[in-house]
Amino acid sequence: MTTAHPRTHVMTQHRFGGPDVLVIEERERPVPGPGEVLLRVRAAGVNVVDRLVRSGMARIYGDPPFTLGRDVSGVVEAAGEGVTSFRPGDEVFGKIPAGGYAEHVTAPADHFAAKPTTLDHVHAAAAPTATLTAWQALVDLAHIAPGTRVLVHAAAGGVGHAAVQLAKAEGAYVIGTARADKHGFLYELGIDEPVDYTTTDFSTAVHDVDVALDLIGGDYGPRTLNTLRPGGLLISALPGSLGLSPEDVEGRGMRFAVVQAEPSGTRLQKIASLLANDRIRIHVDVVLPFAEAAKAHELVESGHTKGKLVLTLPE
């Protein structure tokens, strides 16, 4: 008598296109390999890069079929050979290479950190990419300190609002660009100086910036150079849409770097303490059930969400 293998559901796509290409399929439940854990996903974060990959604008995973999703929070169901950091029943969150839009996923154990007990799965799933991008940009690359003048573009967005709070936690003076209707939200996060980019040219209004984080791309990079002090650092999270070259920056006596958030359970452990103590509060704008991933992508494409979007999965 053949024993049936456990099954699970994933959100996948078989072609590039609009949100409607996302479909739910039943699959055999994955088995963790050496150094991996099997996670029962409780919530999955939705990021801007997800819609870029879905549409074919970013060919990170090659051609379909594939399953999107890099930010997850859930419960460990099994640990592979050599894993000693987690055991079944542990609640963890992390950034994984792919496959988070699923009931179950396997990923390296060192991509995860213990979920703070003060954080639910929804907010934990919203945190990894946003906070890791902010940490790697502002702490690892920029080494910000008390008094550092930091400019964050798209300050009310997923990464932006995490970057504002991390910079404030490090004692920086923070300036951020956002529409006027989001300035109240930014003040709640502790921002020092919001700038309405729809009515004010930040490139002439903002001066003497030590570190600028560009989360928009296009002409924002060249314009941001006008805000930096001599020796200032421009960090871009959009290497495919810089609008300038490193030589352009260096030629003006400034510095340039690119940040692409890498999975890191070690960094997430440090970030978890900030989350647990409310020094960083992840704002979740919309929560939708797993089956409504297409609607979540429509909202991301609008470009006007505040904070993060999260999909929840059935227990």
Protein backbone atom coordinates (compact mmCIF):
# COMPACT_ATOMS: atom_id res chain seq x y z
CA MET A 1 0.00 0.00 0.00
CA THR A 2 1.46 3.36 -1.07
CA THR A 3 1.39 6.16 1.49
CA ALA A 4 0.23 9.48 0.06
CA HIS A 5 2.66 12.34 0.47
CA PRO A 6 1.38 15.39 2.38
CA ARG A 7 0.10 18.15 0.09
CA THR A 8 0.22 21.93 0.27
CA HIS A 9 -0.91 24.95 -1.74
CA VAL A 10 1.20 27.57 -3.48
CA MET A 11 0.46 30.75 -5.41
CA THR A 12 2.25 30.37 -8.72
CA GLN A 13 2.30 31.78 -12.25
CA HIS A 14 2.92 30.16 -15.63
CA ARG A 15 3.48 33.32 -17.65
CA PHE A 16 4.45 36.95 -17.20
CA GLY A 17 1.62 39.46 -17.07
CA GLY A 18 -0.78 41.35 -14.83
CA PRO A 19 -2.00 40.32 -11.39
CA ASP A 20 -4.43 37.86 -12.96
CA VAL A 21 -1.57 35.46 -13.83
CA LEU A 22 -1.34 34.47 -10.15
CA VAL A 23 -3.06 31.13 -9.52
CA ILE A 24 -3.29 28.72 -6.58
CA GLU A 25 -2.11 25.14 -7.18
CA GLU A 26 -1.77 22.04 -5.03
CA ARG A 27 1.71 20.57 -4.70
CA GLU A 28 3.55 17.92 -2.73
CA ARG A 29 4.76 19.39 0.54
CA PRO A 30 8.51 20.18 0.37
CA VAL A 31 11.06 18.42 2.59
CA PRO A 32 13.86 20.41 4.23
CA GLY A 33 17.37 19.59 3.07
CA PRO A 34 20.56 19.89 5.14
CA GLY A 35 20.71 23.26 6.86
CA GLU A 36 17.08 24.05 6.01
CA VAL A 37 13.81 24.29 7.89
CA LEU A 38 10.27 23.56 6.71
CA LEU A 39 8.09 26.53 7.57
CA ARG A 40 4.31 26.51 7.88
CA VAL A 41 3.71 30.02 6.59
CA ARG A 42 1.24 32.12 8.56
CA ALA A 43 1.78 35.39 6.68
CA ALA A 44 3.73 36.56 3.62
CA GLY A 45 4.80 40.11 2.86
CA VAL A 46 4.16 41.65 -0.56
CA ASN A 47 7.01 43.78 -1.96
CA VAL A 48 7.38 46.05 -4.98
CA VAL A 49 9.90 43.62 -6.46
CA ASP A 50 7.19 40.92 -6.50
CA ARG A 51 5.13 42.78 -9.06
CA LEU A 52 8.25 43.58 -11.12
CA VAL A 53 9.11 39.87 -11.28
CA ARG A 54 5.49 38.87 -11.94
CA SER A 55 5.23 41.24 -14.91
CA GLY A 56 8.60 40.27 -16.40
CA MET A 57 10.18 43.66 -15.75
CA ALA A 58 12.73 41.96 -13.47
CA ARG A 59 13.91 38.50 -14.56
CA ILE A 60 15.25 37.46 -11.17
CA TYR A 61 13.85 33.92 -11.33
CA GLY A 62 14.14 33.38 -15.07
CA ASP A 63 11.03 32.25 -16.91
CA PRO A 64 7.84 31.00 -15.21
CA PRO A 65 6.59 28.88 -13.60
CA PHE A 66 7.73 30.14 -10.21
CA THR A 67 6.32 31.25 -6.87
CA LEU A 68 6.84 34.77 -5.60
CA GLY A 69 7.36 35.90 -2.03
CA ARG A 70 10.49 36.70 -0.04
CA ASP A 71 9.14 37.81 3.35
CA VAL A 72 7.51 35.22 5.60
CA SER A 73 6.55 34.53 9.18
CA GLY A 74 5.37 31.20 10.48
CA VAL A 75 5.98 28.08 12.52
CA VAL A 76 8.82 25.60 12.00
CA GLU A 77 7.37 22.16 11.20
CA ALA A 78 10.61 20.29 10.58
CA ALA A 79 14.36 20.91 10.64
CA GLY A 80 16.84 19.43 8.19
CA GLU A 81 20.12 17.74 8.98
CA GLY A 82 22.56 19.94 10.88
CA VAL A 83 20.01 22.54 12.02
CA THR A 84 20.40 23.30 15.72
CA SER A 85 19.09 26.87 15.88
CA PHE A 86 15.39 26.01 15.53
CA ARG A 87 13.12 23.09 16.26
CA PRO A 88 9.51 22.22 15.41
CA GLY A 89 7.06 24.62 17.00
CA ASP A 90 9.37 27.65 16.95
CA GLU A 91 7.86 30.84 15.56
CA VAL A 92 10.27 32.56 13.17
CA PHE A 93 10.38 35.25 10.49
CA GLY A 94 12.78 35.91 7.68
CA LYS A 95 13.68 36.87 4.15
CA ILE A 96 14.02 33.89 1.80
CA PRO A 97 15.13 33.58 -1.85
CA ALA A 98 11.63 32.85 -3.21
CA GLY A 99 8.44 30.87 -2.68
CA GLY A 100 6.84 32.70 0.22
CA TYR A 101 3.38 32.84 -1.33
CA ALA A 102 2.69 29.32 -0.09
CA GLU A 103 1.33 27.33 2.82
CA HIS A 104 4.72 25.64 3.26
CA VAL A 105 8.22 26.62 2.20
CA THR A 106 11.75 25.36 2.82
CA ALA A 107 14.69 27.74 3.21
CA PRO A 108 18.09 27.92 4.92
CA ALA A 109 17.73 28.13 8.69
CA ASP A 110 20.21 31.01 8.83
CA HIS A 111 17.77 33.20 6.87
CA PHE A 112 15.44 33.24 9.90
CA ALA A 113 15.31 34.78 13.36
CA ALA A 114 13.01 34.09 16.28
CA LYS A 115 9.82 36.12 15.95
CA PRO A 116 9.44 38.62 18.80
CA THR A 117 6.63 37.50 21.08
CA THR A 118 5.24 41.04 20.98
CA LEU A 119 4.78 40.83 17.20
CA ASP A 120 2.03 38.94 15.39
CA HIS A 121 2.78 37.01 12.20
CA VAL A 122 1.30 39.74 10.00
CA HIS A 123 3.69 42.42 11.23
CA ALA A 124 6.61 40.00 11.38
CA ALA A 125 6.06 39.04 7.73
CA ALA A 126 6.01 42.71 6.78
CA ALA A 127 9.38 43.38 8.37
CA PRO A 128 12.30 41.46 6.77
CA THR A 129 12.99 43.12 3.40
CA ALA A 130 12.09 46.60 4.65
CA THR A 131 14.21 46.44 7.79
CA LEU A 132 17.11 44.53 6.23
CA THR A 133 17.34 47.05 3.38
CA ALA A 134 17.32 49.92 5.86
CA TRP A 135 19.87 48.22 8.15
CA GLN A 136 22.30 47.28 5.39
CA ALA A 137 22.08 50.79 3.91
CA LEU A 138 22.22 52.94 7.02
CA VAL A 139 24.15 50.79 9.51
CA ASP A 140 26.40 48.53 7.42
CA LEU A 141 27.19 50.95 4.58
CA ALA A 142 26.67 54.45 5.98
CA HIS A 143 27.59 53.84 9.65
CA ILE A 144 25.14 56.55 10.71
CA ALA A 145 25.55 58.01 14.19
CA PRO A 146 23.91 60.66 16.39
CA GLY A 147 23.66 63.90 14.42
CA THR A 148 24.04 62.34 10.97
CA ARG A 149 21.77 64.12 8.49
CA VAL A 150 19.84 61.47 6.56
CA LEU A 151 17.52 61.96 3.57
CA VAL A 152 15.06 59.16 2.79
CA HIS A 153 13.07 59.19 -0.44
CA ALA A 154 9.63 57.53 -0.46
CA ALA A 155 9.80 57.89 3.31
CA ALA A 156 6.25 56.64 3.93
CA GLY A 157 6.70 53.48 1.86
CA GLY A 158 7.60 49.97 2.98
CA VAL A 159 11.38 50.38 3.13
CA GLY A 160 11.21 54.14 3.66
CA HIS A 161 9.20 54.10 6.88
CA ALA A 162 11.52 51.44 8.32
CA ALA A 163 14.56 53.51 7.31
CA VAL A 164 13.15 56.64 8.98
CA GLN A 165 12.68 54.80 12.27
CA LEU A 166 16.04 53.02 12.16
CA ALA A 167 17.81 56.31 11.48
CA LYS A 168 16.00 57.95 14.41
CA ALA A 169 16.88 54.97 16.63
CA GLU A 170 20.52 55.63 15.77
CA GLY A 171 20.17 59.31 16.69
CA ALA A 172 20.16 60.78 13.17
CA TYR A 173 18.38 63.92 11.95
CA VAL A 174 15.96 62.60 9.33
CA ILE A 175 14.49 64.34 6.29
CA GLY A 176 12.02 62.45 4.11
CA THR A 177 10.13 63.02 0.86
CA ALA A 178 6.45 62.09 0.76
CA ARG A 179 3.10 63.54 -0.23
CA ALA A 180 1.60 66.03 2.22
CA ASP A 181 -1.17 63.65 3.25
CA LYS A 182 1.47 61.27 4.67
CA HIS A 183 3.35 63.86 6.72
CA GLY A 184 1.27 63.16 9.82
CA PHE A 185 2.25 59.50 9.57
CA LEU A 186 5.92 60.48 9.24
CA TYR A 187 5.75 62.72 12.29
CA GLU A 188 4.38 59.75 14.24
CA LEU A 189 7.49 57.84 13.19
CA GLY A 190 9.69 60.61 14.53
CA ILE A 191 10.80 62.30 11.33
CA ASP A 192 12.38 65.73 11.75
CA GLU A 193 11.61 67.28 8.37
CA PRO A 194 9.10 65.95 5.81
CA VAL A 195 9.23 67.42 2.30
CA ASP A 196 6.24 67.34 -0.06
CA TYR A 197 7.86 66.43 -3.37
CA THR A 198 4.69 67.40 -5.28
CA THR A 199 5.00 71.07 -4.29
CA THR A 200 8.66 71.46 -3.28
CA ASP A 201 11.83 70.75 -5.24
CA PHE A 202 13.81 68.82 -2.65
CA SER A 203 17.00 69.27 -4.69
CA THR A 204 17.00 72.98 -3.85
CA ALA A 205 15.17 72.90 -0.50
CA VAL A 206 17.35 70.29 1.25
CA HIS A 207 21.04 70.88 2.03
CA ASP A 208 24.07 69.44 3.83
CA VAL A 209 22.86 65.83 3.80
CA ASP A 210 25.40 63.24 4.98
CA VAL A 211 23.55 60.15 3.71
CA ALA A 212 20.72 59.89 1.16
CA LEU A 213 18.75 56.70 0.53
CA ASP A 214 17.16 56.61 -2.93
CA LEU A 215 14.19 54.22 -3.07
CA ILE A 216 12.70 55.68 -6.25
CA GLY A 217 15.33 55.79 -9.02
CA GLY A 218 14.94 57.66 -12.29
CA ASP A 219 16.03 61.29 -11.96
CA TYR A 220 16.02 61.15 -8.17
CA GLY A 221 19.67 60.07 -8.03
CA PRO A 222 21.09 63.03 -10.00
CA ARG A 223 18.80 65.49 -8.21
CA THR A 224 19.75 64.10 -4.82
CA LEU A 225 23.43 64.90 -5.44
CA ASN A 226 22.49 68.56 -5.03
CA THR A 227 21.43 67.90 -1.43
CA LEU A 228 24.64 66.15 -0.32
CA ARG A 229 27.51 67.82 1.46
CA PRO A 230 31.05 67.25 0.07
CA GLY A 231 31.94 63.64 0.83
CA GLY A 232 28.27 62.75 1.33
CA LEU A 233 27.01 59.27 0.50
CA LEU A 234 24.22 58.42 -1.97
CA ILE A 235 22.85 54.90 -1.52
CA SER A 236 20.53 53.45 -4.16
CA ALA A 237 18.25 50.47 -3.66
CA LEU A 238 17.51 50.43 -7.41
CA PRO A 239 20.68 49.40 -9.27
CA GLY A 240 18.75 48.99 -12.53
CA SER A 241 17.44 52.58 -12.46
CA LEU A 242 20.19 54.78 -11.11
CA GLY A 243 20.03 57.71 -13.52
CA LEU A 244 23.76 58.23 -13.01
CA SER A 245 27.06 56.37 -12.77
CA PRO A 246 29.44 56.03 -9.82
CA GLU A 247 31.86 58.20 -11.81
CA ASP A 248 29.28 60.99 -11.94
CA VAL A 249 29.03 60.93 -8.16
CA GLU A 250 32.75 60.69 -7.48
CA GLY A 251 33.42 63.46 -9.98
CA ARG A 252 31.43 65.80 -7.74
CA GLY A 253 33.37 64.81 -4.64
CA MET A 254 30.73 62.50 -3.20
CA ARG A 255 30.38 58.77 -2.59
CA PHE A 256 28.03 56.16 -4.02
CA ALA A 257 26.83 52.68 -3.00
CA VAL A 258 24.12 50.19 -3.95
CA VAL A 259 22.13 48.22 -1.39
CA GLN A 260 20.33 44.97 -2.16
CA ALA A 261 18.97 43.41 1.00
CA GLU A 262 20.51 40.01 1.57
CA PRO A 263 18.85 37.38 3.75
CA SER A 264 20.44 37.40 7.20
CA GLY A 265 19.10 35.80 10.34
CA THR A 266 21.94 37.40 12.29
CA ARG A 267 20.90 40.93 11.31
CA LEU A 268 17.24 40.08 11.85
CA GLN A 269 18.03 39.03 15.42
CA LYS A 270 19.36 42.56 16.05
CA ILE A 271 16.38 44.10 14.28
CA ALA A 272 14.02 41.89 16.31
CA SER A 273 15.07 43.66 19.51
CA LEU A 274 14.18 47.03 17.95
CA LEU A 275 10.82 45.63 16.85
CA ALA A 276 10.16 44.11 20.27
CA ASN A 277 10.86 47.44 21.98
CA ASP A 278 8.77 49.49 19.49
CA ARG A 279 11.84 51.42 18.34
CA ILE A 280 10.79 50.28 14.87
CA ARG A 281 7.07 49.81 14.24
CA ILE A 282 6.13 48.23 10.94
CA HIS A 283 2.98 49.79 9.57
CA VAL A 284 0.77 47.35 7.68
CA ASP A 285 -1.53 49.24 5.34
CA VAL A 286 -3.57 46.32 4.00
CA VAL A 287 -4.01 42.68 5.04
CA LEU A 288 -5.56 40.29 2.54
CA PRO A 289 -6.16 36.53 2.48
CA PHE A 290 -3.74 34.38 0.49
CA ALA A 291 -6.30 33.85 -2.28
CA GLU A 292 -6.37 37.62 -2.97
CA ALA A 293 -2.72 38.02 -3.92
CA ALA A 294 -3.77 39.53 -7.24
CA LYS A 295 -5.62 42.32 -5.42
CA ALA A 296 -2.53 42.95 -3.29
CA HIS A 297 -0.46 43.36 -6.46
CA GLU A 298 -3.00 45.83 -7.85
CA LEU A 299 -2.62 47.92 -4.70
CA VAL A 300 1.19 47.79 -4.91
CA GLU A 301 1.04 48.94 -8.52
CA SER A 302 -0.98 52.00 -7.48
CA GLY A 303 2.19 53.30 -5.82
CA HIS A 304 0.27 55.00 -3.03
CA THR A 305 0.25 52.43 -0.25
CA LYS A 306 1.52 53.47 3.16
CA GLY A 307 3.85 50.98 4.79
CA LYS A 308 3.37 47.33 3.84
CA LEU A 309 0.87 44.83 2.40
CA VAL A 310 0.58 41.31 3.81
CA LEU A 311 -1.13 38.08 2.80
CA THR A 312 -2.43 35.77 5.53
CA LEU A 313 -2.63 32.00 5.19
CA PRO A 314 -5.13 29.64 6.80
CA GLU A 315 -3.98 27.81 9.91
